[in-house]
N, C-alpha and C. Protein backbone atom coordinates (compact mmCIF):
# COMPACT_ATOMS: atom_id res chain seq x y z
N MET A 1 -51.42 74.74 25.59
CA MET A 1 -51.79 76.15 25.74
C MET A 1 -53.28 76.25 26.07
N GLN A 2 -53.62 77.08 27.05
CA GLN A 2 -54.99 77.21 27.47
C GLN A 2 -55.80 77.96 26.43
N THR A 3 -57.08 77.53 26.32
CA THR A 3 -57.98 78.21 25.42
C THR A 3 -58.29 79.59 25.96
N GLU A 4 -58.24 80.59 25.09
CA GLU A 4 -58.55 81.93 25.52
C GLU A 4 -60.01 82.02 25.93
N LEU A 5 -60.28 82.88 26.91
CA LEU A 5 -61.63 83.02 27.42
C LEU A 5 -62.62 83.36 26.32
N THR A 6 -62.23 84.22 25.40
CA THR A 6 -63.15 84.64 24.35
C THR A 6 -63.42 83.55 23.32
N GLN A 7 -62.67 82.43 23.38
CA GLN A 7 -62.84 81.37 22.39
C GLN A 7 -63.60 80.16 22.93
N ILE A 8 -64.02 80.18 24.19
CA ILE A 8 -64.77 79.06 24.73
C ILE A 8 -66.16 79.01 24.10
N SER A 9 -66.71 77.82 23.98
CA SER A 9 -68.03 77.64 23.37
C SER A 9 -69.12 77.98 24.38
N CYS A 10 -70.07 78.80 23.94
CA CYS A 10 -71.14 79.27 24.82
C CYS A 10 -72.47 79.28 24.09
N THR A 11 -73.56 79.38 24.85
CA THR A 11 -74.89 79.52 24.29
C THR A 11 -75.59 80.67 25.01
N ALA A 12 -76.24 81.53 24.24
CA ALA A 12 -76.92 82.69 24.80
C ALA A 12 -78.43 82.48 24.76
N PHE A 13 -79.09 82.85 25.86
CA PHE A 13 -80.54 82.75 25.97
C PHE A 13 -81.13 84.12 26.30
N VAL A 14 -82.28 84.40 25.71
CA VAL A 14 -83.10 85.53 26.13
C VAL A 14 -84.43 84.94 26.56
N GLY A 15 -84.71 85.02 27.86
CA GLY A 15 -85.86 84.31 28.38
C GLY A 15 -85.62 82.82 28.22
N GLY A 16 -86.58 82.12 27.64
CA GLY A 16 -86.42 80.68 27.43
C GLY A 16 -86.00 80.32 26.03
N LYS A 17 -85.57 81.30 25.24
CA LYS A 17 -85.22 81.04 23.84
C LYS A 17 -83.71 81.18 23.63
N SER A 18 -83.15 80.19 22.95
CA SER A 18 -81.74 80.25 22.57
C SER A 18 -81.59 81.15 21.35
N ILE A 19 -80.74 82.17 21.46
CA ILE A 19 -80.63 83.14 20.36
C ILE A 19 -79.37 82.96 19.53
N THR A 20 -78.32 82.39 20.10
CA THR A 20 -77.11 82.14 19.33
C THR A 20 -76.18 81.24 20.13
N LYS A 21 -75.27 80.60 19.40
CA LYS A 21 -74.31 79.68 20.00
C LYS A 21 -72.99 79.84 19.28
N GLY A 22 -71.89 79.75 20.01
CA GLY A 22 -70.57 79.87 19.39
C GLY A 22 -69.55 80.32 20.41
N THR A 23 -68.44 80.86 19.92
CA THR A 23 -67.44 81.37 20.84
C THR A 23 -67.98 82.58 21.59
N LEU A 24 -67.39 82.87 22.72
CA LEU A 24 -67.81 84.03 23.49
C LEU A 24 -67.60 85.31 22.69
N GLN A 25 -66.55 85.32 21.88
CA GLN A 25 -66.30 86.46 21.01
C GLN A 25 -67.46 86.67 20.03
N HIS A 26 -67.92 85.58 19.43
CA HIS A 26 -69.06 85.65 18.51
C HIS A 26 -70.31 86.14 19.23
N ILE A 27 -70.55 85.59 20.41
CA ILE A 27 -71.77 85.93 21.14
C ILE A 27 -71.78 87.40 21.55
N VAL A 28 -70.64 87.90 22.01
CA VAL A 28 -70.57 89.31 22.39
C VAL A 28 -70.90 90.20 21.20
N ALA A 29 -70.31 89.90 20.05
CA ALA A 29 -70.57 90.70 18.85
C ALA A 29 -72.04 90.62 18.44
N PHE A 30 -72.61 89.41 18.49
CA PHE A 30 -74.01 89.22 18.12
C PHE A 30 -74.93 90.01 19.05
N VAL A 31 -74.67 89.89 20.34
CA VAL A 31 -75.51 90.57 21.33
C VAL A 31 -75.45 92.08 21.16
N LYS A 32 -74.25 92.60 20.98
CA LYS A 32 -74.09 94.05 20.84
C LYS A 32 -74.81 94.57 19.60
N ASP A 33 -74.84 93.76 18.55
CA ASP A 33 -75.43 94.20 17.28
C ASP A 33 -76.94 93.96 17.21
N SER A 34 -77.47 93.02 18.00
CA SER A 34 -78.82 92.54 17.75
C SER A 34 -79.85 92.82 18.84
N LEU A 35 -79.44 92.96 20.08
CA LEU A 35 -80.42 93.03 21.16
C LEU A 35 -80.77 94.46 21.54
N ASP A 36 -82.04 94.66 21.88
CA ASP A 36 -82.45 95.95 22.42
C ASP A 36 -82.37 95.90 23.95
N ASP A 37 -82.68 97.01 24.60
CA ASP A 37 -82.52 97.10 26.05
C ASP A 37 -83.37 96.08 26.79
N LYS A 38 -84.59 95.86 26.30
CA LYS A 38 -85.48 94.90 26.96
C LYS A 38 -84.91 93.49 26.90
N GLU A 39 -84.37 93.12 25.74
CA GLU A 39 -83.78 91.79 25.58
C GLU A 39 -82.50 91.65 26.40
N PHE A 40 -81.73 92.73 26.48
CA PHE A 40 -80.51 92.72 27.29
C PHE A 40 -80.82 92.37 28.74
N ALA A 41 -81.95 92.85 29.23
CA ALA A 41 -82.32 92.61 30.63
C ALA A 41 -82.60 91.13 30.90
N GLN A 42 -82.92 90.37 29.85
CA GLN A 42 -83.24 88.95 30.02
C GLN A 42 -82.10 88.04 29.56
N LEU A 43 -81.00 88.64 29.12
CA LEU A 43 -79.90 87.86 28.54
C LEU A 43 -79.16 87.04 29.58
N LEU A 44 -78.93 85.77 29.25
CA LEU A 44 -78.06 84.90 30.03
C LEU A 44 -77.16 84.14 29.07
N ILE A 45 -75.87 84.09 29.38
CA ILE A 45 -74.90 83.39 28.55
C ILE A 45 -74.28 82.26 29.38
N PHE A 46 -74.25 81.06 28.79
CA PHE A 46 -73.78 79.89 29.52
C PHE A 46 -72.56 79.26 28.85
N ASN A 47 -71.62 78.86 29.69
CA ASN A 47 -70.45 78.11 29.24
C ASN A 47 -70.92 76.69 28.89
N ASP A 48 -70.69 76.27 27.64
CA ASP A 48 -71.17 74.95 27.20
C ASP A 48 -70.44 73.80 27.87
N LEU A 49 -69.28 74.05 28.43
CA LEU A 49 -68.52 72.99 29.08
C LEU A 49 -68.98 72.75 30.51
N THR A 50 -69.27 73.84 31.23
CA THR A 50 -69.63 73.72 32.64
C THR A 50 -71.11 73.92 32.93
N GLY A 51 -71.84 74.50 31.97
CA GLY A 51 -73.25 74.80 32.20
C GLY A 51 -73.49 76.00 33.09
N LYS A 52 -72.41 76.68 33.46
CA LYS A 52 -72.54 77.83 34.36
C LYS A 52 -72.71 79.13 33.58
N PRO A 53 -73.47 80.08 34.14
CA PRO A 53 -73.62 81.38 33.48
C PRO A 53 -72.32 82.17 33.53
N ILE A 54 -72.11 83.01 32.53
CA ILE A 54 -70.93 83.86 32.46
C ILE A 54 -71.36 85.30 32.60
N ASP A 55 -70.77 86.00 33.52
CA ASP A 55 -71.10 87.41 33.77
C ASP A 55 -70.20 88.29 32.89
N ILE A 56 -70.81 89.12 32.07
CA ILE A 56 -70.05 89.97 31.14
C ILE A 56 -70.47 91.42 31.31
N ASP A 57 -69.49 92.28 31.34
CA ASP A 57 -69.73 93.73 31.36
C ASP A 57 -69.84 94.20 29.92
N PHE A 58 -71.06 94.56 29.50
CA PHE A 58 -71.30 94.92 28.11
C PHE A 58 -71.17 96.42 27.83
N ARG A 59 -70.63 97.17 28.77
CA ARG A 59 -70.49 98.61 28.54
C ARG A 59 -69.48 98.87 27.42
N GLY A 60 -69.79 99.90 26.61
CA GLY A 60 -68.89 100.28 25.54
C GLY A 60 -69.10 99.48 24.27
N LYS A 61 -68.16 99.63 23.35
CA LYS A 61 -68.23 98.95 22.06
C LYS A 61 -67.78 97.50 22.20
N THR A 62 -68.04 96.73 21.14
CA THR A 62 -67.69 95.30 21.16
C THR A 62 -66.22 95.08 21.48
N ALA A 63 -65.35 95.86 20.86
CA ALA A 63 -63.90 95.70 21.08
C ALA A 63 -63.54 95.95 22.55
N GLU A 64 -64.23 96.91 23.18
CA GLU A 64 -63.95 97.21 24.59
C GLU A 64 -64.40 96.07 25.49
N VAL A 65 -65.55 95.48 25.16
CA VAL A 65 -66.05 94.35 25.95
C VAL A 65 -65.07 93.17 25.86
N LEU A 66 -64.63 92.87 24.65
CA LEU A 66 -63.71 91.76 24.45
C LEU A 66 -62.35 92.03 25.10
N GLN A 67 -61.92 93.28 25.09
CA GLN A 67 -60.65 93.63 25.71
C GLN A 67 -60.71 93.42 27.22
N ARG A 68 -61.85 93.77 27.83
CA ARG A 68 -62.00 93.54 29.28
C ARG A 68 -61.97 92.05 29.59
N LEU A 69 -62.63 91.24 28.76
CA LEU A 69 -62.61 89.80 28.96
C LEU A 69 -61.20 89.25 28.84
N SER A 70 -60.46 89.73 27.84
CA SER A 70 -59.08 89.29 27.63
C SER A 70 -58.20 89.68 28.81
N ASN A 71 -58.38 90.91 29.30
CA ASN A 71 -57.59 91.37 30.44
C ASN A 71 -57.88 90.55 31.68
N HIS A 72 -59.16 90.21 31.86
CA HIS A 72 -59.55 89.39 33.01
C HIS A 72 -58.90 88.02 32.93
N ALA A 73 -58.90 87.43 31.72
CA ALA A 73 -58.29 86.11 31.52
C ALA A 73 -56.79 86.16 31.78
N ASP A 74 -56.14 87.22 31.29
CA ASP A 74 -54.69 87.36 31.50
C ASP A 74 -54.36 87.51 32.97
N HIS A 75 -55.19 88.27 33.68
CA HIS A 75 -54.97 88.48 35.12
C HIS A 75 -55.12 87.16 35.88
N ALA A 76 -56.16 86.38 35.52
CA ALA A 76 -56.39 85.10 36.18
C ALA A 76 -55.25 84.14 35.90
N SER A 77 -54.75 84.15 34.65
CA SER A 77 -53.64 83.27 34.28
C SER A 77 -52.37 83.64 35.04
N ALA A 78 -52.12 84.94 35.20
CA ALA A 78 -50.94 85.40 35.93
C ALA A 78 -51.01 84.99 37.39
N GLU A 79 -52.20 85.08 37.98
CA GLU A 79 -52.37 84.67 39.38
C GLU A 79 -52.10 83.19 39.55
N GLU A 80 -52.58 82.39 38.59
CA GLU A 80 -52.40 80.94 38.65
C GLU A 80 -50.92 80.59 38.54
N GLU A 81 -50.21 81.27 37.64
CA GLU A 81 -48.78 81.00 37.47
C GLU A 81 -48.00 81.37 38.73
N SER A 82 -48.43 82.43 39.41
CA SER A 82 -47.72 82.86 40.62
C SER A 82 -47.86 81.85 41.75
N LYS A 83 -48.89 80.99 41.67
CA LYS A 83 -49.10 79.99 42.71
C LYS A 83 -48.26 78.74 42.48
N GLN A 84 -47.73 78.58 41.26
CA GLN A 84 -46.95 77.39 40.95
C GLN A 84 -45.60 77.45 41.67
N PRO A 85 -45.16 76.32 42.22
CA PRO A 85 -43.86 76.31 42.92
C PRO A 85 -42.72 76.57 41.97
N THR A 86 -41.71 77.27 42.44
CA THR A 86 -40.54 77.59 41.63
C THR A 86 -39.65 76.36 41.50
N ARG A 87 -39.29 76.03 40.27
CA ARG A 87 -38.42 74.87 40.04
C ARG A 87 -36.99 75.21 40.45
N ARG A 88 -36.43 74.36 41.29
CA ARG A 88 -35.06 74.57 41.73
C ARG A 88 -34.07 74.14 40.65
N VAL A 89 -32.95 74.86 40.58
CA VAL A 89 -31.92 74.52 39.60
C VAL A 89 -31.24 73.24 40.04
N GLY A 90 -31.00 72.36 39.11
CA GLY A 90 -30.32 71.12 39.44
C GLY A 90 -30.61 70.06 38.40
N ARG A 91 -30.35 68.84 38.75
CA ARG A 91 -30.54 67.73 37.82
C ARG A 91 -32.03 67.55 37.53
N PRO A 92 -32.39 67.44 36.25
CA PRO A 92 -33.81 67.25 35.92
C PRO A 92 -34.32 65.92 36.46
N LYS A 93 -35.62 65.89 36.82
CA LYS A 93 -36.21 64.71 37.42
C LYS A 93 -36.80 63.76 36.40
N LEU A 94 -36.78 64.14 35.12
CA LEU A 94 -37.27 63.28 34.04
C LEU A 94 -38.73 62.92 34.21
N GLY A 95 -39.50 63.79 34.85
CA GLY A 95 -40.93 63.56 35.00
C GLY A 95 -41.31 62.64 36.13
N VAL A 96 -40.35 62.13 36.88
CA VAL A 96 -40.63 61.22 37.98
C VAL A 96 -40.77 62.01 39.28
N VAL A 97 -41.88 61.80 39.98
CA VAL A 97 -42.12 62.49 41.24
C VAL A 97 -42.19 61.46 42.35
N SER A 98 -41.37 61.63 43.36
CA SER A 98 -41.38 60.69 44.48
C SER A 98 -42.45 61.09 45.48
N GLY A 99 -42.95 60.12 46.21
CA GLY A 99 -43.97 60.39 47.23
C GLY A 99 -44.05 59.21 48.18
N GLU A 100 -44.85 59.36 49.20
CA GLU A 100 -44.97 58.31 50.22
C GLU A 100 -46.21 57.48 49.97
N VAL A 101 -46.08 56.16 49.99
CA VAL A 101 -47.19 55.23 49.84
C VAL A 101 -47.22 54.35 51.08
N THR A 102 -48.38 54.28 51.73
CA THR A 102 -48.53 53.47 52.94
C THR A 102 -49.36 52.23 52.63
N LEU A 103 -48.74 51.06 52.75
CA LEU A 103 -49.41 49.79 52.46
C LEU A 103 -49.15 48.79 53.57
N LEU A 104 -49.96 47.77 53.63
CA LEU A 104 -49.75 46.68 54.58
C LEU A 104 -48.65 45.76 54.06
N PRO A 105 -48.02 44.98 54.94
CA PRO A 105 -46.93 44.10 54.50
C PRO A 105 -47.34 43.18 53.34
N ARG A 106 -48.57 42.64 53.36
CA ARG A 106 -48.98 41.73 52.29
C ARG A 106 -49.05 42.45 50.93
N HIS A 107 -49.37 43.77 50.98
CA HIS A 107 -49.42 44.55 49.74
C HIS A 107 -48.01 44.74 49.18
N TRP A 108 -47.08 45.06 50.08
CA TRP A 108 -45.70 45.23 49.64
C TRP A 108 -45.14 43.91 49.10
N ASP A 109 -45.45 42.79 49.75
CA ASP A 109 -44.96 41.49 49.29
C ASP A 109 -45.47 41.20 47.88
N TRP A 110 -46.74 41.50 47.64
CA TRP A 110 -47.30 41.24 46.31
C TRP A 110 -46.67 42.15 45.26
N LEU A 111 -46.51 43.44 45.59
CA LEU A 111 -45.92 44.39 44.65
C LEU A 111 -44.50 44.00 44.27
N LYS A 112 -43.71 43.60 45.27
CA LYS A 112 -42.31 43.25 45.01
C LYS A 112 -42.18 41.99 44.17
N SER A 113 -43.21 41.15 44.20
CA SER A 113 -43.15 39.90 43.43
C SER A 113 -43.55 40.09 41.97
N GLN A 114 -44.06 41.28 41.62
CA GLN A 114 -44.52 41.53 40.26
C GLN A 114 -43.34 41.89 39.35
N PRO A 115 -43.45 41.57 38.05
CA PRO A 115 -42.37 41.92 37.10
C PRO A 115 -42.12 43.42 37.10
N GLY A 116 -40.88 43.82 37.25
CA GLY A 116 -40.53 45.23 37.25
C GLY A 116 -40.51 45.84 38.64
N GLY A 117 -41.04 45.12 39.64
CA GLY A 117 -41.00 45.63 40.99
C GLY A 117 -42.19 46.52 41.34
N ALA A 118 -42.14 47.09 42.54
CA ALA A 118 -43.26 47.84 43.09
C ALA A 118 -43.59 49.09 42.29
N SER A 119 -42.58 49.86 41.92
CA SER A 119 -42.83 51.14 41.24
C SER A 119 -43.49 50.94 39.89
N VAL A 120 -42.97 50.00 39.10
CA VAL A 120 -43.54 49.74 37.78
C VAL A 120 -44.97 49.25 37.91
N THR A 121 -45.21 48.35 38.86
CA THR A 121 -46.55 47.80 39.05
C THR A 121 -47.54 48.88 39.49
N LEU A 122 -47.12 49.75 40.39
CA LEU A 122 -48.00 50.83 40.85
C LEU A 122 -48.35 51.77 39.70
N ARG A 123 -47.35 52.09 38.87
CA ARG A 123 -47.62 52.96 37.73
C ARG A 123 -48.64 52.33 36.78
N LYS A 124 -48.49 51.01 36.54
CA LYS A 124 -49.44 50.31 35.67
C LYS A 124 -50.84 50.31 36.27
N LEU A 125 -50.93 50.11 37.57
CA LEU A 125 -52.24 50.10 38.24
C LEU A 125 -52.91 51.46 38.16
N VAL A 126 -52.12 52.52 38.34
CA VAL A 126 -52.67 53.87 38.26
C VAL A 126 -53.14 54.19 36.85
N ASP A 127 -52.33 53.82 35.85
CA ASP A 127 -52.71 54.07 34.46
C ASP A 127 -54.00 53.32 34.10
N GLU A 128 -54.11 52.09 34.56
CA GLU A 128 -55.31 51.30 34.27
C GLU A 128 -56.54 51.92 34.94
N ALA A 129 -56.37 52.37 36.18
CA ALA A 129 -57.48 53.01 36.87
C ALA A 129 -57.92 54.29 36.17
N ARG A 130 -56.94 55.03 35.63
CA ARG A 130 -57.28 56.25 34.90
C ARG A 130 -58.06 55.93 33.63
N ARG A 131 -57.67 54.85 32.95
CA ARG A 131 -58.38 54.47 31.72
C ARG A 131 -59.80 54.02 32.02
N THR A 132 -59.96 53.17 33.02
CA THR A 132 -61.28 52.64 33.31
C THR A 132 -62.19 53.70 33.94
N GLY A 133 -61.59 54.75 34.51
CA GLY A 133 -62.40 55.80 35.12
C GLY A 133 -62.76 56.94 34.19
N LYS A 134 -62.33 56.85 32.91
CA LYS A 134 -62.56 57.94 31.97
C LYS A 134 -64.05 58.19 31.75
N ASN A 135 -64.82 57.12 31.53
CA ASN A 135 -66.26 57.27 31.30
C ASN A 135 -66.95 57.84 32.53
N GLU A 136 -66.52 57.39 33.69
CA GLU A 136 -67.12 57.90 34.93
C GLU A 136 -66.86 59.40 35.07
N SER A 137 -65.67 59.85 34.72
CA SER A 137 -65.35 61.27 34.81
C SER A 137 -66.18 62.08 33.81
N LYS A 138 -66.34 61.55 32.59
CA LYS A 138 -67.16 62.22 31.59
C LYS A 138 -68.60 62.34 32.07
N ALA A 139 -69.12 61.25 32.62
CA ALA A 139 -70.51 61.26 33.09
C ALA A 139 -70.69 62.26 34.22
N ARG A 140 -69.73 62.31 35.14
CA ARG A 140 -69.83 63.23 36.27
C ARG A 140 -69.79 64.68 35.79
N ALA A 141 -68.91 64.98 34.83
CA ALA A 141 -68.82 66.34 34.29
C ALA A 141 -70.11 66.74 33.59
N ALA A 142 -70.70 65.80 32.82
CA ALA A 142 -71.95 66.08 32.12
C ALA A 142 -73.09 66.29 33.11
N GLN A 143 -73.12 65.50 34.17
CA GLN A 143 -74.14 65.68 35.20
C GLN A 143 -74.04 67.06 35.85
N GLU A 144 -72.80 67.46 36.17
CA GLU A 144 -72.61 68.75 36.82
C GLU A 144 -73.00 69.91 35.90
N ALA A 145 -72.61 69.82 34.61
CA ALA A 145 -72.97 70.87 33.67
C ALA A 145 -74.49 70.96 33.52
N SER A 146 -75.14 69.82 33.42
CA SER A 146 -76.60 69.79 33.30
C SER A 146 -77.25 70.37 34.55
N TYR A 147 -76.72 70.01 35.70
CA TYR A 147 -77.25 70.51 36.96
C TYR A 147 -77.18 72.03 37.02
N HIS A 148 -76.02 72.60 36.68
CA HIS A 148 -75.85 74.06 36.77
C HIS A 148 -76.83 74.78 35.84
N PHE A 149 -76.95 74.27 34.61
CA PHE A 149 -77.86 74.91 33.66
C PHE A 149 -79.32 74.75 34.08
N MET A 150 -79.68 73.56 34.53
CA MET A 150 -81.06 73.31 34.96
C MET A 150 -81.42 74.16 36.16
N THR A 151 -80.49 74.35 37.06
CA THR A 151 -80.76 75.17 38.24
C THR A 151 -81.01 76.62 37.85
N ALA A 152 -80.24 77.10 36.89
CA ALA A 152 -80.37 78.49 36.46
C ALA A 152 -81.61 78.73 35.60
N MET A 153 -81.93 77.79 34.72
CA MET A 153 -82.96 78.03 33.71
C MET A 153 -84.26 77.25 33.93
N ALA A 154 -84.22 76.20 34.72
CA ALA A 154 -85.41 75.36 34.86
C ALA A 154 -85.76 75.08 36.32
N GLY A 155 -85.26 75.91 37.20
CA GLY A 155 -85.47 75.66 38.63
C GLY A 155 -86.93 75.66 39.05
N ASP A 156 -87.77 76.42 38.33
CA ASP A 156 -89.19 76.47 38.68
C ASP A 156 -90.05 75.66 37.71
N PHE A 157 -89.42 74.84 36.87
CA PHE A 157 -90.18 74.00 35.94
C PHE A 157 -90.78 72.81 36.69
N PRO A 158 -91.88 72.26 36.18
CA PRO A 158 -92.48 71.09 36.84
C PRO A 158 -91.54 69.90 36.84
N GLN A 159 -91.52 69.18 37.95
CA GLN A 159 -90.73 67.95 38.11
C GLN A 159 -89.23 68.20 37.98
N HIS A 160 -88.81 69.42 38.33
CA HIS A 160 -87.38 69.76 38.25
C HIS A 160 -86.54 68.87 39.17
N GLU A 161 -86.96 68.74 40.41
CA GLU A 161 -86.20 67.94 41.37
C GLU A 161 -86.20 66.46 40.98
N GLU A 162 -87.33 65.98 40.49
CA GLU A 162 -87.39 64.59 40.05
C GLU A 162 -86.44 64.34 38.88
N ALA A 163 -86.36 65.33 37.98
CA ALA A 163 -85.45 65.20 36.84
C ALA A 163 -84.00 65.15 37.30
N LEU A 164 -83.66 65.97 38.29
CA LEU A 164 -82.29 65.95 38.81
C LEU A 164 -81.98 64.60 39.45
N ARG A 165 -82.93 64.05 40.17
CA ARG A 165 -82.71 62.74 40.78
C ARG A 165 -82.48 61.67 39.72
N ALA A 166 -83.26 61.73 38.64
CA ALA A 166 -83.08 60.77 37.55
C ALA A 166 -81.73 60.96 36.88
N LEU A 167 -81.30 62.20 36.74
CA LEU A 167 -79.99 62.51 36.15
C LEU A 167 -78.87 61.86 36.93
N TYR A 168 -78.88 62.07 38.24
CA TYR A 168 -77.79 61.55 39.07
C TYR A 168 -77.90 60.05 39.32
N ALA A 169 -79.12 59.51 39.13
CA ALA A 169 -79.30 58.06 39.26
C ALA A 169 -78.92 57.33 37.98
N GLY A 170 -78.66 58.10 36.90
CA GLY A 170 -78.30 57.49 35.64
C GLY A 170 -79.49 56.88 34.90
N ASN A 171 -80.69 57.32 35.24
CA ASN A 171 -81.91 56.80 34.62
C ASN A 171 -82.26 57.66 33.41
N GLN A 172 -81.70 57.33 32.26
CA GLN A 172 -81.83 58.16 31.07
C GLN A 172 -83.28 58.27 30.58
N ASP A 173 -83.97 57.16 30.50
CA ASP A 173 -85.35 57.19 30.00
C ASP A 173 -86.24 58.06 30.88
N ARG A 174 -86.11 57.89 32.18
CA ARG A 174 -86.91 58.68 33.12
C ARG A 174 -86.57 60.16 33.03
N PHE A 175 -85.28 60.46 32.89
CA PHE A 175 -84.83 61.85 32.79
C PHE A 175 -85.45 62.54 31.58
N TYR A 176 -85.34 61.90 30.41
CA TYR A 176 -85.89 62.50 29.19
C TYR A 176 -87.41 62.62 29.26
N GLN A 177 -88.04 61.67 29.90
CA GLN A 177 -89.50 61.73 30.05
C GLN A 177 -89.91 62.93 30.90
N LEU A 178 -89.18 63.20 31.95
CA LEU A 178 -89.54 64.27 32.87
C LEU A 178 -89.33 65.66 32.27
N ILE A 179 -88.35 65.80 31.39
CA ILE A 179 -88.07 67.13 30.81
C ILE A 179 -88.73 67.33 29.45
N ASP A 180 -89.47 66.33 28.98
CA ASP A 180 -90.00 66.38 27.62
C ASP A 180 -90.93 67.56 27.36
N ASP A 181 -91.68 68.00 28.37
CA ASP A 181 -92.64 69.09 28.18
C ASP A 181 -92.07 70.46 28.50
N TRP A 182 -90.78 70.53 28.81
CA TRP A 182 -90.17 71.82 29.14
C TRP A 182 -90.00 72.67 27.87
N ALA A 183 -89.72 73.96 28.07
CA ALA A 183 -89.51 74.87 26.94
C ALA A 183 -88.50 74.25 25.98
N PRO A 184 -88.85 74.16 24.67
CA PRO A 184 -88.04 73.39 23.72
C PRO A 184 -86.56 73.74 23.70
N ASP A 185 -86.21 75.04 23.66
CA ASP A 185 -84.80 75.41 23.57
C ASP A 185 -84.04 75.02 24.84
N ILE A 186 -84.69 75.19 25.98
CA ILE A 186 -84.06 74.81 27.25
C ILE A 186 -83.92 73.30 27.34
N ARG A 187 -84.99 72.59 27.00
CA ARG A 187 -84.95 71.12 27.01
C ARG A 187 -83.86 70.58 26.10
N ASP A 188 -83.77 71.12 24.87
CA ASP A 188 -82.79 70.62 23.92
C ASP A 188 -81.36 70.91 24.36
N HIS A 189 -81.15 72.07 25.00
CA HIS A 189 -79.80 72.37 25.48
C HIS A 189 -79.43 71.46 26.65
N ILE A 190 -80.39 71.14 27.49
CA ILE A 190 -80.13 70.19 28.58
C ILE A 190 -79.73 68.84 28.01
N LYS A 191 -80.42 68.41 26.97
CA LYS A 191 -80.09 67.12 26.35
C LYS A 191 -78.66 67.14 25.78
N THR A 192 -78.27 68.26 25.22
CA THR A 192 -76.90 68.39 24.70
C THR A 192 -75.89 68.29 25.82
N LEU A 193 -76.13 69.01 26.92
CA LEU A 193 -75.21 68.99 28.05
C LEU A 193 -75.15 67.61 28.69
N ALA A 194 -76.28 66.90 28.69
CA ALA A 194 -76.37 65.60 29.37
C ALA A 194 -75.98 64.44 28.47
N GLU A 195 -75.45 64.74 27.29
CA GLU A 195 -75.17 63.69 26.30
C GLU A 195 -74.29 62.59 26.86
N ASN A 196 -73.30 62.96 27.67
CA ASN A 196 -72.39 61.96 28.24
C ASN A 196 -72.75 61.55 29.66
N ALA A 197 -73.88 62.03 30.17
CA ALA A 197 -74.22 61.78 31.56
C ALA A 197 -74.63 60.34 31.83
N PHE A 198 -74.99 59.62 30.77
CA PHE A 198 -75.51 58.27 30.95
C PHE A 198 -74.64 57.20 30.33
N ILE A 199 -73.40 57.56 29.95
CA ILE A 199 -72.51 56.55 29.38
C ILE A 199 -72.12 55.55 30.45
N LYS A 200 -71.95 54.31 30.02
CA LYS A 200 -71.65 53.23 30.95
C LYS A 200 -70.16 52.91 30.95
N GLU A 201 -69.71 52.38 32.06
CA GLU A 201 -68.30 52.00 32.18
C GLU A 201 -68.02 50.81 31.27
N GLU A 202 -66.92 50.88 30.53
CA GLU A 202 -66.54 49.78 29.66
C GLU A 202 -66.14 48.56 30.49
N THR A 203 -66.50 47.41 29.99
CA THR A 203 -66.14 46.16 30.70
C THR A 203 -65.23 45.32 29.84
């Protein structure tokens, strides 16, 4: 079951200061109760998973704001479901999906010689590739989240581009050195987002 939009983890900033962190539901309630008009003008809320800002219509009471978010999530979910292909009535496929694989004769000869045959061997190879690629996927997601947040909040900070290059080059020491003098709350949130950006592939 998908996580409801109001339950995703977020962090709210006013200017360069982090004011609260938690579910979007918590942040909406906190913002409505705590911020004045001047602070509202500087408010930015970021998705902790993607590092991207979230646009929220704060008109009305807290319950009205949350209801609009819920309605938006329901509408998006309905659209996504409508795009899914309709399952035809008939014998269940037991989770097996057929497809076309194009290989050279020597590849087919090797696959057929493996225990269990070509299909079993291909499934094992795919599963192994998925396992060994897990760290790479985590690192890429952390890099992207850090990039989105840094672009939004630190785009005019000194050595911003150099820091991004170090991030994508996997140079952890250089990256932390370059952002060390940045606004503390922004720097610390970047470090949190980038936590998995420098993990190495298991050998």
